[in-house]
Amino acid sequence: MKKIRKLPLKKSKDLEGMTKEEKVKQIISRLEKLFPGSKIALNYSSPWELFVAVVLSAQTTDKQVNVVTHDLFAKYKTLEDYVNTPLEEFQNDIKRIGLFRGKGKSIKLTADIVYKSYSGKLPDSMEKLLELPGVGRKTANVLLGNIYGKSEGIAVDTHVKRLAKLFGLTDETDPNKIERDLMEITPKKDWFMITYLLIDYGRKYCTARCKH
């Protein structure tokens, strides 16, 4: 696919003089054309599997997570499987993932909580999700958007963090502050999709070394 030159980048002449709100609209409009049907890259077949995949994805590529979860989800078919499996065994099953011990512990603890306190169903509010072990705003936003179709914020991963600054949409470096800035300038109807548009653009056209 030929690289598209005219993109909503920080140094693009057609963005000069625009407010941040106007820049966001241009970015979304162009990236929607570039990446129609943009969506999360993690493989899953249930809300709980998405939770597991998102927790495993911290500081790990989605590609590597999908490799690991291919075997993991074949072995662990229900929430009860996670609850009943010893921690050490579960950690061994995800050891190809970075930080597998901490992630394994968080997943196991959350499995117990969801099974006992929420009748096996993940909470559907930001407040309740943030009470779960290992869940921050990024994970909560991903779960709410993909499972329940709710937009209570914007999921900020490494691509979103890097590109938001490159495009001149924020001067912050803390993900929660970046999320706040993006929420202020992005129409709420686009809070969910902007994450995946920026991720796709970051992966295909503007990797970590991209300077524009």
N, C-alpha and C. Protein backbone atom coordinates (compact mmCIF):
# COMPACT_ATOMS: atom_id res chain seq x y z
N MET A 1 0.84 -1.19 0.00
CA MET A 1 0.00 0.00 0.00
C MET A 1 0.88 1.25 0.00
N LYS A 2 0.63 2.14 -0.93
CA LYS A 2 1.45 3.33 -1.05
C LYS A 2 1.21 4.27 0.11
N LYS A 3 2.27 4.81 0.64
CA LYS A 3 2.15 5.70 1.78
C LYS A 3 1.40 6.97 1.39
N ILE A 4 0.42 7.32 2.18
CA ILE A 4 -0.35 8.52 1.92
C ILE A 4 0.35 9.71 2.55
N ARG A 5 0.65 10.69 1.73
CA ARG A 5 1.44 11.82 2.20
C ARG A 5 0.62 12.82 3.01
N LYS A 6 -0.59 13.10 2.52
CA LYS A 6 -1.37 14.16 3.14
C LYS A 6 -2.14 13.62 4.34
N LEU A 7 -1.52 13.70 5.49
CA LEU A 7 -2.13 13.21 6.72
C LEU A 7 -2.16 14.33 7.76
N PRO A 8 -3.04 14.24 8.73
CA PRO A 8 -3.17 15.30 9.73
C PRO A 8 -2.03 15.28 10.73
N LEU A 9 -0.88 15.72 10.33
CA LEU A 9 0.29 15.68 11.19
C LEU A 9 0.57 17.05 11.77
N LYS A 10 1.38 17.04 12.80
CA LYS A 10 1.66 18.27 13.53
C LYS A 10 2.19 19.37 12.62
N LYS A 11 3.04 19.00 11.66
CA LYS A 11 3.69 20.00 10.83
C LYS A 11 2.97 20.24 9.50
N SER A 12 1.81 19.63 9.28
CA SER A 12 1.08 19.82 8.03
C SER A 12 0.60 21.26 7.90
N LYS A 13 0.83 21.85 6.72
CA LYS A 13 0.46 23.24 6.52
C LYS A 13 -1.04 23.45 6.63
N ASP A 14 -1.82 22.45 6.23
CA ASP A 14 -3.28 22.63 6.26
C ASP A 14 -3.85 22.60 7.67
N LEU A 15 -3.03 22.32 8.67
CA LEU A 15 -3.49 22.36 10.05
C LEU A 15 -3.05 23.62 10.77
N GLU A 16 -2.24 24.43 10.12
CA GLU A 16 -1.75 25.65 10.76
C GLU A 16 -2.91 26.59 11.05
N GLY A 17 -2.92 27.13 12.23
CA GLY A 17 -3.96 28.07 12.62
C GLY A 17 -5.22 27.42 13.14
N MET A 18 -5.27 26.10 13.11
CA MET A 18 -6.45 25.39 13.61
C MET A 18 -6.40 25.26 15.12
N THR A 19 -7.56 25.24 15.73
CA THR A 19 -7.63 24.93 17.15
C THR A 19 -7.41 23.43 17.33
N LYS A 20 -7.18 23.01 18.56
CA LYS A 20 -7.01 21.58 18.82
C LYS A 20 -8.27 20.81 18.47
N GLU A 21 -9.43 21.42 18.72
CA GLU A 21 -10.69 20.77 18.38
C GLU A 21 -10.80 20.53 16.88
N GLU A 22 -10.38 21.52 16.10
CA GLU A 22 -10.43 21.39 14.64
C GLU A 22 -9.42 20.34 14.15
N LYS A 23 -8.26 20.32 14.79
CA LYS A 23 -7.25 19.32 14.42
C LYS A 23 -7.77 17.91 14.64
N VAL A 24 -8.40 17.69 15.79
CA VAL A 24 -8.93 16.36 16.10
C VAL A 24 -9.94 15.92 15.05
N LYS A 25 -10.83 16.82 14.66
CA LYS A 25 -11.83 16.47 13.66
C LYS A 25 -11.18 16.08 12.33
N GLN A 26 -10.13 16.82 11.94
CA GLN A 26 -9.42 16.51 10.71
C GLN A 26 -8.71 15.16 10.81
N ILE A 27 -8.07 14.92 11.93
CA ILE A 27 -7.36 13.66 12.15
C ILE A 27 -8.32 12.48 12.06
N ILE A 28 -9.44 12.57 12.76
CA ILE A 28 -10.41 11.49 12.76
C ILE A 28 -10.98 11.27 11.37
N SER A 29 -11.32 12.35 10.68
CA SER A 29 -11.90 12.25 9.34
C SER A 29 -10.95 11.55 8.38
N ARG A 30 -9.70 11.92 8.41
CA ARG A 30 -8.73 11.33 7.47
C ARG A 30 -8.37 9.89 7.84
N LEU A 31 -8.23 9.63 9.13
CA LEU A 31 -7.86 8.28 9.53
C LEU A 31 -9.01 7.29 9.35
N GLU A 32 -10.24 7.77 9.44
CA GLU A 32 -11.38 6.89 9.17
C GLU A 32 -11.38 6.43 7.72
N LYS A 33 -10.92 7.30 6.82
CA LYS A 33 -10.83 6.93 5.41
C LYS A 33 -9.65 5.99 5.18
N LEU A 34 -8.58 6.21 5.93
CA LEU A 34 -7.38 5.40 5.79
C LEU A 34 -7.55 4.02 6.41
N PHE A 35 -8.31 3.97 7.52
CA PHE A 35 -8.50 2.71 8.24
C PHE A 35 -9.98 2.44 8.49
N PRO A 36 -10.75 2.17 7.43
CA PRO A 36 -12.17 1.85 7.64
C PRO A 36 -12.30 0.55 8.42
N GLY A 37 -13.20 0.55 9.37
CA GLY A 37 -13.37 -0.66 10.17
C GLY A 37 -12.30 -0.87 11.21
N SER A 38 -11.61 0.19 11.59
CA SER A 38 -10.56 0.10 12.61
C SER A 38 -11.14 -0.47 13.90
N LYS A 39 -10.41 -1.41 14.51
CA LYS A 39 -10.90 -2.03 15.74
C LYS A 39 -9.74 -2.60 16.55
N ILE A 40 -10.05 -3.09 17.73
CA ILE A 40 -9.04 -3.66 18.61
C ILE A 40 -8.39 -4.87 17.93
N ALA A 41 -7.08 -5.02 18.14
CA ALA A 41 -6.33 -6.09 17.47
C ALA A 41 -6.25 -7.37 18.29
N LEU A 42 -6.66 -7.31 19.55
CA LEU A 42 -6.61 -8.49 20.41
C LEU A 42 -7.70 -9.48 20.04
N ASN A 43 -7.36 -10.76 20.06
CA ASN A 43 -8.34 -11.81 19.76
C ASN A 43 -9.04 -12.25 21.05
N TYR A 44 -10.35 -12.39 20.99
CA TYR A 44 -11.13 -12.84 22.15
C TYR A 44 -12.52 -13.26 21.69
N SER A 45 -13.18 -14.07 22.49
CA SER A 45 -14.52 -14.52 22.14
C SER A 45 -15.53 -14.29 23.26
N SER A 46 -15.09 -13.65 24.34
CA SER A 46 -15.99 -13.36 25.45
C SER A 46 -15.46 -12.15 26.21
N PRO A 47 -16.30 -11.47 26.98
CA PRO A 47 -15.83 -10.34 27.78
C PRO A 47 -14.66 -10.71 28.69
N TRP A 48 -14.74 -11.87 29.33
CA TRP A 48 -13.65 -12.26 30.23
C TRP A 48 -12.35 -12.48 29.46
N GLU A 49 -12.42 -13.08 28.30
CA GLU A 49 -11.21 -13.27 27.49
C GLU A 49 -10.61 -11.93 27.08
N LEU A 50 -11.46 -10.95 26.81
CA LEU A 50 -10.94 -9.62 26.48
C LEU A 50 -10.21 -9.04 27.69
N PHE A 51 -10.79 -9.19 28.87
CA PHE A 51 -10.11 -8.71 30.07
C PHE A 51 -8.73 -9.33 30.20
N VAL A 52 -8.65 -10.64 30.06
CA VAL A 52 -7.37 -11.34 30.18
C VAL A 52 -6.38 -10.82 29.14
N ALA A 53 -6.83 -10.68 27.91
CA ALA A 53 -5.94 -10.22 26.84
C ALA A 53 -5.44 -8.81 27.08
N VAL A 54 -6.32 -7.94 27.56
CA VAL A 54 -5.92 -6.55 27.81
C VAL A 54 -4.90 -6.47 28.94
N VAL A 55 -5.11 -7.21 30.00
CA VAL A 55 -4.15 -7.23 31.10
C VAL A 55 -2.79 -7.74 30.62
N LEU A 56 -2.80 -8.78 29.82
CA LEU A 56 -1.55 -9.34 29.30
C LEU A 56 -0.85 -8.39 28.35
N SER A 57 -1.60 -7.48 27.72
CA SER A 57 -1.02 -6.62 26.69
C SER A 57 -0.17 -5.47 27.22
N ALA A 58 -0.20 -5.22 28.52
CA ALA A 58 0.60 -4.13 29.08
C ALA A 58 2.08 -4.37 28.80
N GLN A 59 2.72 -3.40 28.15
CA GLN A 59 4.14 -3.47 27.80
C GLN A 59 4.47 -4.70 26.96
N THR A 60 3.50 -5.17 26.21
CA THR A 60 3.66 -6.33 25.33
C THR A 60 2.88 -6.06 24.05
N THR A 61 3.36 -6.53 22.91
CA THR A 61 2.64 -6.31 21.66
C THR A 61 1.38 -7.15 21.60
N ASP A 62 0.37 -6.63 20.92
CA ASP A 62 -0.86 -7.39 20.74
C ASP A 62 -0.58 -8.69 19.98
N LYS A 63 0.36 -8.64 19.06
CA LYS A 63 0.72 -9.84 18.29
C LYS A 63 1.19 -10.96 19.22
N GLN A 64 2.06 -10.62 20.17
CA GLN A 64 2.55 -11.63 21.11
C GLN A 64 1.44 -12.12 22.03
N VAL A 65 0.58 -11.21 22.45
CA VAL A 65 -0.55 -11.61 23.30
C VAL A 65 -1.44 -12.61 22.57
N ASN A 66 -1.71 -12.34 21.30
CA ASN A 66 -2.57 -13.25 20.53
C ASN A 66 -1.94 -14.64 20.37
N VAL A 67 -0.63 -14.68 20.30
CA VAL A 67 0.06 -15.98 20.22
C VAL A 67 -0.16 -16.77 21.51
N VAL A 68 0.00 -16.08 22.64
CA VAL A 68 -0.14 -16.73 23.94
C VAL A 68 -1.59 -17.11 24.23
N THR A 69 -2.51 -16.21 23.94
CA THR A 69 -3.92 -16.48 24.25
C THR A 69 -4.52 -17.55 23.35
N HIS A 70 -3.91 -17.79 22.21
CA HIS A 70 -4.41 -18.87 21.34
C HIS A 70 -4.42 -20.19 22.10
N ASP A 71 -3.34 -20.47 22.79
CA ASP A 71 -3.26 -21.70 23.59
C ASP A 71 -3.98 -21.55 24.94
N LEU A 72 -3.87 -20.35 25.52
CA LEU A 72 -4.46 -20.11 26.83
C LEU A 72 -5.97 -20.29 26.80
N PHE A 73 -6.62 -19.68 25.82
CA PHE A 73 -8.07 -19.75 25.75
C PHE A 73 -8.58 -21.14 25.36
N ALA A 74 -7.71 -21.93 24.76
CA ALA A 74 -8.09 -23.32 24.46
C ALA A 74 -8.11 -24.15 25.73
N LYS A 75 -7.25 -23.80 26.68
CA LYS A 75 -7.19 -24.52 27.95
C LYS A 75 -8.20 -23.98 28.95
N TYR A 76 -8.30 -22.66 29.05
CA TYR A 76 -9.20 -22.02 30.02
C TYR A 76 -10.45 -21.56 29.28
N LYS A 77 -11.48 -22.35 29.33
CA LYS A 77 -12.69 -22.07 28.55
C LYS A 77 -13.75 -21.28 29.32
N THR A 78 -13.68 -21.31 30.64
CA THR A 78 -14.67 -20.60 31.46
C THR A 78 -13.97 -19.82 32.57
N LEU A 79 -14.71 -18.91 33.16
CA LEU A 79 -14.18 -18.15 34.29
C LEU A 79 -13.79 -19.08 35.43
N GLU A 80 -14.58 -20.13 35.62
CA GLU A 80 -14.30 -21.09 36.68
C GLU A 80 -12.93 -21.76 36.49
N ASP A 81 -12.52 -21.94 35.26
CA ASP A 81 -11.21 -22.53 35.00
C ASP A 81 -10.09 -21.66 35.57
N TYR A 82 -10.26 -20.35 35.45
CA TYR A 82 -9.27 -19.42 36.00
C TYR A 82 -9.31 -19.44 37.53
N VAL A 83 -10.51 -19.51 38.07
CA VAL A 83 -10.68 -19.52 39.53
C VAL A 83 -10.06 -20.77 40.14
N ASN A 84 -10.27 -21.90 39.51
CA ASN A 84 -9.86 -23.19 40.09
C ASN A 84 -8.42 -23.59 39.83
N THR A 85 -7.75 -22.92 38.92
CA THR A 85 -6.36 -23.27 38.60
C THR A 85 -5.40 -22.61 39.58
N PRO A 86 -4.44 -23.34 40.12
CA PRO A 86 -3.44 -22.76 41.03
C PRO A 86 -2.68 -21.62 40.35
N LEU A 87 -2.33 -20.61 41.13
CA LEU A 87 -1.64 -19.44 40.59
C LEU A 87 -0.37 -19.82 39.84
N GLU A 88 0.43 -20.68 40.43
CA GLU A 88 1.70 -21.04 39.81
C GLU A 88 1.50 -21.70 38.45
N GLU A 89 0.49 -22.52 38.34
CA GLU A 89 0.21 -23.18 37.06
C GLU A 89 -0.22 -22.15 36.02
N PHE A 90 -1.08 -21.22 36.44
CA PHE A 90 -1.54 -20.19 35.51
C PHE A 90 -0.39 -19.30 35.06
N GLN A 91 0.46 -18.90 35.99
CA GLN A 91 1.61 -18.08 35.63
C GLN A 91 2.52 -18.81 34.65
N ASN A 92 2.66 -20.09 34.82
CA ASN A 92 3.48 -20.88 33.90
C ASN A 92 2.88 -20.89 32.49
N ASP A 93 1.55 -20.85 32.43
CA ASP A 93 0.88 -20.86 31.13
C ASP A 93 1.02 -19.53 30.38
N ILE A 94 1.38 -18.46 31.09
CA ILE A 94 1.53 -17.16 30.43
C ILE A 94 2.96 -16.64 30.52
N LYS A 95 3.91 -17.52 30.78
CA LYS A 95 5.28 -17.07 31.04
C LYS A 95 5.98 -16.48 29.83
N ARG A 96 5.42 -16.67 28.64
CA ARG A 96 6.00 -16.05 27.44
C ARG A 96 5.68 -14.56 27.36
N ILE A 97 4.84 -14.09 28.28
CA ILE A 97 4.46 -12.68 28.34
C ILE A 97 5.32 -11.97 29.38
N GLY A 98 5.76 -10.77 29.07
CA GLY A 98 6.52 -10.00 30.04
C GLY A 98 5.72 -9.70 31.29
N LEU A 99 6.39 -9.65 32.42
CA LEU A 99 5.74 -9.37 33.71
C LEU A 99 4.64 -10.39 34.02
N PHE A 100 4.87 -11.63 33.62
CA PHE A 100 3.82 -12.64 33.72
C PHE A 100 3.40 -12.94 35.16
N ARG A 101 4.31 -12.81 36.10
CA ARG A 101 3.95 -13.12 37.49
C ARG A 101 2.91 -12.13 38.03
N GLY A 102 3.19 -10.85 37.86
CA GLY A 102 2.26 -9.83 38.33
C GLY A 102 0.94 -9.87 37.59
N LYS A 103 1.01 -10.05 36.28
CA LYS A 103 -0.20 -10.12 35.48
C LYS A 103 -1.03 -11.35 35.85
N GLY A 104 -0.35 -12.45 36.07
CA GLY A 104 -1.05 -13.67 36.45
C GLY A 104 -1.77 -13.51 37.77
N LYS A 105 -1.12 -12.86 38.72
CA LYS A 105 -1.73 -12.64 40.03
C LYS A 105 -2.95 -11.75 39.91
N SER A 106 -2.85 -10.67 39.11
CA SER A 106 -3.98 -9.76 38.93
C SER A 106 -5.16 -10.47 38.28
N ILE A 107 -4.89 -11.26 37.27
CA ILE A 107 -5.96 -11.98 36.57
C ILE A 107 -6.64 -12.98 37.51
N LYS A 108 -5.85 -13.70 38.28
CA LYS A 108 -6.42 -14.67 39.22
C LYS A 108 -7.27 -13.99 40.29
N LEU A 109 -6.76 -12.91 40.86
CA LEU A 109 -7.50 -12.18 41.89
C LEU A 109 -8.81 -11.63 41.34
N THR A 110 -8.74 -11.08 40.13
CA THR A 110 -9.94 -10.52 39.51
C THR A 110 -10.93 -11.62 39.18
N ALA A 111 -10.45 -12.76 38.75
CA ALA A 111 -11.35 -13.89 38.46
C ALA A 111 -12.15 -14.26 39.70
N ASP A 112 -11.49 -14.31 40.84
CA ASP A 112 -12.18 -14.63 42.10
C ASP A 112 -13.24 -13.59 42.43
N ILE A 113 -12.88 -12.30 42.27
CA ILE A 113 -13.81 -11.22 42.59
C ILE A 113 -15.02 -11.24 41.66
N VAL A 114 -14.77 -11.36 40.38
CA VAL A 114 -15.87 -11.36 39.40
C VAL A 114 -16.77 -12.57 39.62
N TYR A 115 -16.18 -13.69 39.92
CA TYR A 115 -16.96 -14.92 40.14
C TYR A 115 -17.82 -14.82 41.39
N LYS A 116 -17.25 -14.31 42.47
CA LYS A 116 -17.95 -14.28 43.75
C LYS A 116 -18.84 -13.05 43.94
N SER A 117 -18.40 -11.91 43.45
CA SER A 117 -19.11 -10.66 43.74
C SER A 117 -19.98 -10.14 42.60
N TYR A 118 -19.70 -10.59 41.37
CA TYR A 118 -20.44 -10.07 40.22
C TYR A 118 -21.10 -11.17 39.39
N SER A 119 -21.30 -12.32 39.99
CA SER A 119 -21.98 -13.44 39.32
C SER A 119 -21.33 -13.81 37.99
N GLY A 120 -20.02 -13.65 37.93
CA GLY A 120 -19.28 -14.04 36.74
C GLY A 120 -19.29 -13.05 35.61
N LYS A 121 -19.83 -11.85 35.85
CA LYS A 121 -19.92 -10.84 34.79
C LYS A 121 -19.09 -9.62 35.17
N LEU A 122 -18.27 -9.15 34.25
CA LEU A 122 -17.45 -7.97 34.52
C LEU A 122 -18.34 -6.76 34.77
N PRO A 123 -17.98 -5.90 35.72
CA PRO A 123 -18.75 -4.69 35.99
C PRO A 123 -18.85 -3.81 34.74
N ASP A 124 -19.92 -3.01 34.67
CA ASP A 124 -20.13 -2.18 33.49
C ASP A 124 -19.99 -0.69 33.78
N SER A 125 -19.22 -0.36 34.82
CA SER A 125 -18.98 1.05 35.13
C SER A 125 -17.50 1.28 35.38
N MET A 126 -17.06 2.48 35.08
CA MET A 126 -15.66 2.84 35.29
C MET A 126 -15.29 2.68 36.76
N GLU A 127 -16.16 3.15 37.64
CA GLU A 127 -15.89 3.09 39.08
C GLU A 127 -15.64 1.67 39.56
N LYS A 128 -16.49 0.75 39.17
CA LYS A 128 -16.36 -0.64 39.63
C LYS A 128 -15.17 -1.33 38.98
N LEU A 129 -14.92 -1.05 37.72
CA LEU A 129 -13.78 -1.68 37.04
C LEU A 129 -12.46 -1.25 37.66
N LEU A 130 -12.36 0.01 38.04
CA LEU A 130 -11.12 0.51 38.62
C LEU A 130 -10.82 -0.09 39.99
N GLU A 131 -11.81 -0.72 40.60
CA GLU A 131 -11.60 -1.39 41.88
C GLU A 131 -10.95 -2.76 41.71
N LEU A 132 -10.94 -3.28 40.50
CA LEU A 132 -10.40 -4.61 40.25
C LEU A 132 -8.87 -4.58 40.17
N PRO A 133 -8.20 -5.62 40.63
CA PRO A 133 -6.73 -5.68 40.60
C PRO A 133 -6.18 -5.54 39.18
N GLY A 134 -5.20 -4.68 39.02
CA GLY A 134 -4.55 -4.54 37.73
C GLY A 134 -5.29 -3.73 36.70
N VAL A 135 -6.40 -3.10 37.09
CA VAL A 135 -7.20 -2.34 36.13
C VAL A 135 -6.99 -0.85 36.33
N GLY A 136 -6.48 -0.19 35.29
CA GLY A 136 -6.36 1.26 35.27
C GLY A 136 -7.36 1.81 34.28
N ARG A 137 -7.28 3.10 34.01
CA ARG A 137 -8.27 3.73 33.13
C ARG A 137 -8.18 3.19 31.70
N LYS A 138 -6.98 2.91 31.22
CA LYS A 138 -6.87 2.39 29.85
C LYS A 138 -7.63 1.08 29.72
N THR A 139 -7.36 0.15 30.62
CA THR A 139 -8.03 -1.15 30.58
C THR A 139 -9.54 -0.99 30.73
N ALA A 140 -9.96 -0.15 31.66
CA ALA A 140 -11.39 0.07 31.88
C ALA A 140 -12.06 0.65 30.64
N ASN A 141 -11.41 1.61 29.99
CA ASN A 141 -11.97 2.20 28.78
C ASN A 141 -12.10 1.18 27.66
N VAL A 142 -11.09 0.33 27.51
CA VAL A 142 -11.14 -0.71 26.48
C VAL A 142 -12.29 -1.67 26.74
N LEU A 143 -12.46 -2.08 27.99
CA LEU A 143 -13.52 -3.02 28.34
C LEU A 143 -14.90 -2.40 28.16
N LEU A 144 -15.08 -1.20 28.65
CA LEU A 144 -16.38 -0.54 28.54
C LEU A 144 -16.78 -0.33 27.10
N GLY A 145 -15.83 0.09 26.28
CA GLY A 145 -16.14 0.37 24.88
C GLY A 145 -16.43 -0.87 24.06
N ASN A 146 -15.61 -1.89 24.24
CA ASN A 146 -15.75 -3.09 23.42
C ASN A 146 -16.81 -4.06 23.91
N ILE A 147 -17.06 -4.08 25.21
CA ILE A 147 -18.04 -5.02 25.77
C ILE A 147 -19.42 -4.39 25.87
N TYR A 148 -19.46 -3.17 26.41
CA TYR A 148 -20.75 -2.56 26.72
C TYR A 148 -21.12 -1.38 25.81
N GLY A 149 -20.24 -1.02 24.89
CA GLY A 149 -20.53 0.10 24.00
C GLY A 149 -20.60 1.43 24.71
N LYS A 150 -19.90 1.53 25.84
CA LYS A 150 -19.90 2.76 26.64
C LYS A 150 -18.60 3.54 26.45
N SER A 151 -18.72 4.85 26.40
CA SER A 151 -17.55 5.71 26.30
C SER A 151 -17.51 6.64 27.50
N GLU A 152 -16.74 6.25 28.50
CA GLU A 152 -16.58 7.10 29.69
C GLU A 152 -15.22 7.79 29.68
N GLY A 153 -14.43 7.52 28.66
CA GLY A 153 -13.11 8.13 28.55
C GLY A 153 -12.46 7.67 27.26
N ILE A 154 -11.16 7.93 27.13
CA ILE A 154 -10.40 7.55 25.95
C ILE A 154 -9.22 6.68 26.39
N ALA A 155 -9.11 5.50 25.82
CA ALA A 155 -8.01 4.60 26.16
C ALA A 155 -6.70 5.14 25.58
N VAL A 156 -5.72 5.36 26.44
CA VAL A 156 -4.43 5.91 26.02
C VAL A 156 -3.35 4.85 26.16
N ASP A 157 -2.91 4.31 25.02
CA ASP A 157 -1.79 3.37 25.04
C ASP A 157 -0.54 4.10 24.54
N THR A 158 0.53 3.35 24.25
CA THR A 158 1.78 4.00 23.85
C THR A 158 1.65 4.74 22.52
N HIS A 159 0.87 4.19 21.58
CA HIS A 159 0.68 4.86 20.29
C HIS A 159 -0.10 6.15 20.47
N VAL A 160 -1.19 6.08 21.21
CA VAL A 160 -2.03 7.26 21.44
C VAL A 160 -1.23 8.34 22.16
N LYS A 161 -0.49 7.93 23.16
CA LYS A 161 0.34 8.87 23.92
C LYS A 161 1.34 9.58 23.02
N ARG A 162 2.03 8.84 22.19
CA ARG A 162 3.07 9.40 21.32
C ARG A 162 2.48 10.29 20.24
N LEU A 163 1.41 9.84 19.59
CA LEU A 163 0.85 10.59 18.48
C LEU A 163 0.08 11.81 18.94
N ALA A 164 -0.57 11.73 20.09
CA ALA A 164 -1.28 12.90 20.60
C ALA A 164 -0.32 14.06 20.82
N LYS A 165 0.86 13.75 21.29
CA LYS A 165 1.87 14.79 21.49
C LYS A 165 2.45 15.25 20.16
N LEU A 166 2.70 14.31 19.26
CA LEU A 166 3.26 14.64 17.95
C LEU A 166 2.32 15.54 17.16
N PHE A 167 1.02 15.29 17.26
CA PHE A 167 0.03 16.07 16.54
C PHE A 167 -0.27 17.41 17.21
N GLY A 168 0.33 17.65 18.37
CA GLY A 168 0.11 18.91 19.06
C GLY A 168 -1.21 18.97 19.81
N LEU A 169 -1.72 17.82 20.22
CA LEU A 169 -3.00 17.78 20.92
C LEU A 169 -2.84 17.85 22.43
N THR A 170 -1.64 17.63 22.92
CA THR A 170 -1.36 17.69 24.35
C THR A 170 0.13 17.93 24.57
N ASP A 171 0.44 18.49 25.72
CA ASP A 171 1.83 18.66 26.13
C ASP A 171 2.17 17.74 27.29
N GLU A 172 1.19 16.94 27.70
CA GLU A 172 1.36 16.09 28.86
C GLU A 172 2.07 14.78 28.50
N THR A 173 2.62 14.13 29.52
CA THR A 173 3.26 12.82 29.34
C THR A 173 2.56 11.74 30.16
N ASP A 174 1.81 12.14 31.17
CA ASP A 174 1.07 11.18 31.99
C ASP A 174 -0.20 10.74 31.24
N PRO A 175 -0.42 9.43 31.09
CA PRO A 175 -1.58 8.94 30.33
C PRO A 175 -2.92 9.49 30.80
N ASN A 176 -3.12 9.63 32.10
CA ASN A 176 -4.39 10.14 32.60
C ASN A 176 -4.60 11.60 32.23
N LYS A 177 -3.52 12.37 32.22
CA LYS A 177 -3.61 13.78 31.83
C LYS A 177 -3.80 13.91 30.32
N ILE A 178 -3.16 13.02 29.57
CA ILE A 178 -3.36 13.00 28.12
C ILE A 178 -4.81 12.67 27.81
N GLU A 179 -5.35 11.69 28.51
CA GLU A 179 -6.76 11.32 28.33
C GLU A 179 -7.66 12.52 28.60
N ARG A 180 -7.39 13.22 29.68
CA ARG A 180 -8.20 14.40 30.02
C ARG A 180 -8.16 15.43 28.90
N ASP A 181 -6.94 15.70 28.38
CA ASP A 181 -6.81 16.68 27.30
C ASP A 181 -7.56 16.24 26.05
N LEU A 182 -7.46 14.97 25.71
CA LEU A 182 -8.14 14.46 24.52
C LEU A 182 -9.66 14.49 24.69
N MET A 183 -10.13 14.19 25.88
CA MET A 183 -11.57 14.23 26.13
C MET A 183 -12.13 15.64 25.98
N GLU A 184 -11.33 16.63 26.32
CA GLU A 184 -11.78 18.02 26.24
C GLU A 184 -11.92 18.51 24.80
N ILE A 185 -11.17 17.93 23.87
CA ILE A 185 -11.17 18.43 22.49
C ILE A 185 -11.80 17.46 21.48
N THR A 186 -12.14 16.26 21.93
CA THR A 186 -12.69 15.25 21.03
C THR A 186 -14.18 15.07 21.28
N PRO A 187 -15.01 15.10 20.23
CA PRO A 187 -16.44 14.84 20.42
C PRO A 187 -16.65 13.48 21.10
N LYS A 188 -17.57 13.42 22.04
CA LYS A 188 -17.75 12.18 22.80
C LYS A 188 -18.06 10.99 21.91
N LYS A 189 -18.75 11.22 20.80
CA LYS A 189 -19.09 10.12 19.90
C LYS A 189 -17.85 9.47 19.30
N ASP A 190 -16.71 10.16 19.36
CA ASP A 190 -15.46 9.65 18.79
C ASP A 190 -14.47 9.16 19.85
N TRP A 191 -14.85 9.21 21.11
CA TRP A 191 -13.92 8.80 22.18
C TRP A 191 -13.46 7.36 22.01
N PHE A 192 -14.36 6.49 21.63
CA PHE A 192 -14.01 5.08 21.48
C PHE A 192 -13.11 4.85 20.27
N MET A 193 -13.51 5.40 19.13
CA MET A 193 -12.82 5.08 17.88
C MET A 193 -11.46 5.74 17.74
N ILE A 194 -11.27 6.92 18.32
CA ILE A 194 -10.00 7.62 18.12
C ILE A 194 -8.82 6.79 18.59
N THR A 195 -9.01 6.01 19.63
CA THR A 195 -7.93 5.15 20.13
C THR A 195 -7.44 4.20 19.05
N TYR A 196 -8.35 3.51 18.40
CA TYR A 196 -7.96 2.48 17.43
C TYR A 196 -7.48 3.07 16.12
N LEU A 197 -7.98 4.25 15.76
CA LEU A 197 -7.48 4.94 14.58
C LEU A 197 -6.02 5.34 14.78
N LEU A 198 -5.72 5.89 15.94
CA LEU A 198 -4.34 6.30 16.23
C LEU A 198 -3.42 5.09 16.35
N ILE A 199 -3.90 4.02 16.95
CA ILE A 199 -3.09 2.81 17.06
C ILE A 199 -2.76 2.26 15.67
N ASP A 200 -3.76 2.19 14.80
CA ASP A 200 -3.51 1.68 13.45
C ASP A 200 -2.53 2.56 12.69
N TYR A 201 -2.69 3.88 12.83
CA TYR A 201 -1.77 4.79 12.15
C TYR A 201 -0.36 4.65 12.71
N GLY A 202 -0.26 4.53 14.02
CA GLY A 202 1.05 4.39 14.65
C GLY A 202 1.76 3.12 14.23
N ARG A 203 1.02 2.06 14.07
CA ARG A 203 1.62 0.78 13.68
C ARG A 203 2.05 0.77 12.21
N LYS A 204 1.24 1.36 11.35
CA LYS A 204 1.50 1.23 9.91
C LYS A 204 2.36 2.35 9.34
N TYR A 205 2.17 3.58 9.82
CA TYR A 205 2.84 4.72 9.19
C TYR A 205 3.79 5.49 10.10
N CYS A 206 3.56 5.45 11.38
CA CYS A 206 4.36 6.29 12.26
C CYS A 206 4.77 5.50 13.49
N THR A 207 5.83 4.72 13.35
CA THR A 207 6.34 3.91 14.45
C THR A 207 7.07 4.79 15.45
N ALA A 208 7.67 4.18 16.44
CA ALA A 208 8.31 4.94 17.52
C ALA A 208 9.38 5.90 17.04
N ARG A 209 10.02 5.61 15.90
CA ARG A 209 11.08 6.48 15.38
C ARG A 209 10.56 7.58 14.48
N CYS A 210 9.26 7.58 14.24
CA CYS A 210 8.66 8.55 13.34
C CYS A 210 8.78 9.96 13.92
N LYS A 211 9.26 10.89 13.11
CA LYS A 211 9.43 12.27 13.55
C LYS A 211 8.51 13.23 12.80
N HIS A 212 8.13 12.85 11.55
CA HIS A 212 7.36 13.72 10.67
C HIS A 212 8.05 15.05 10.52
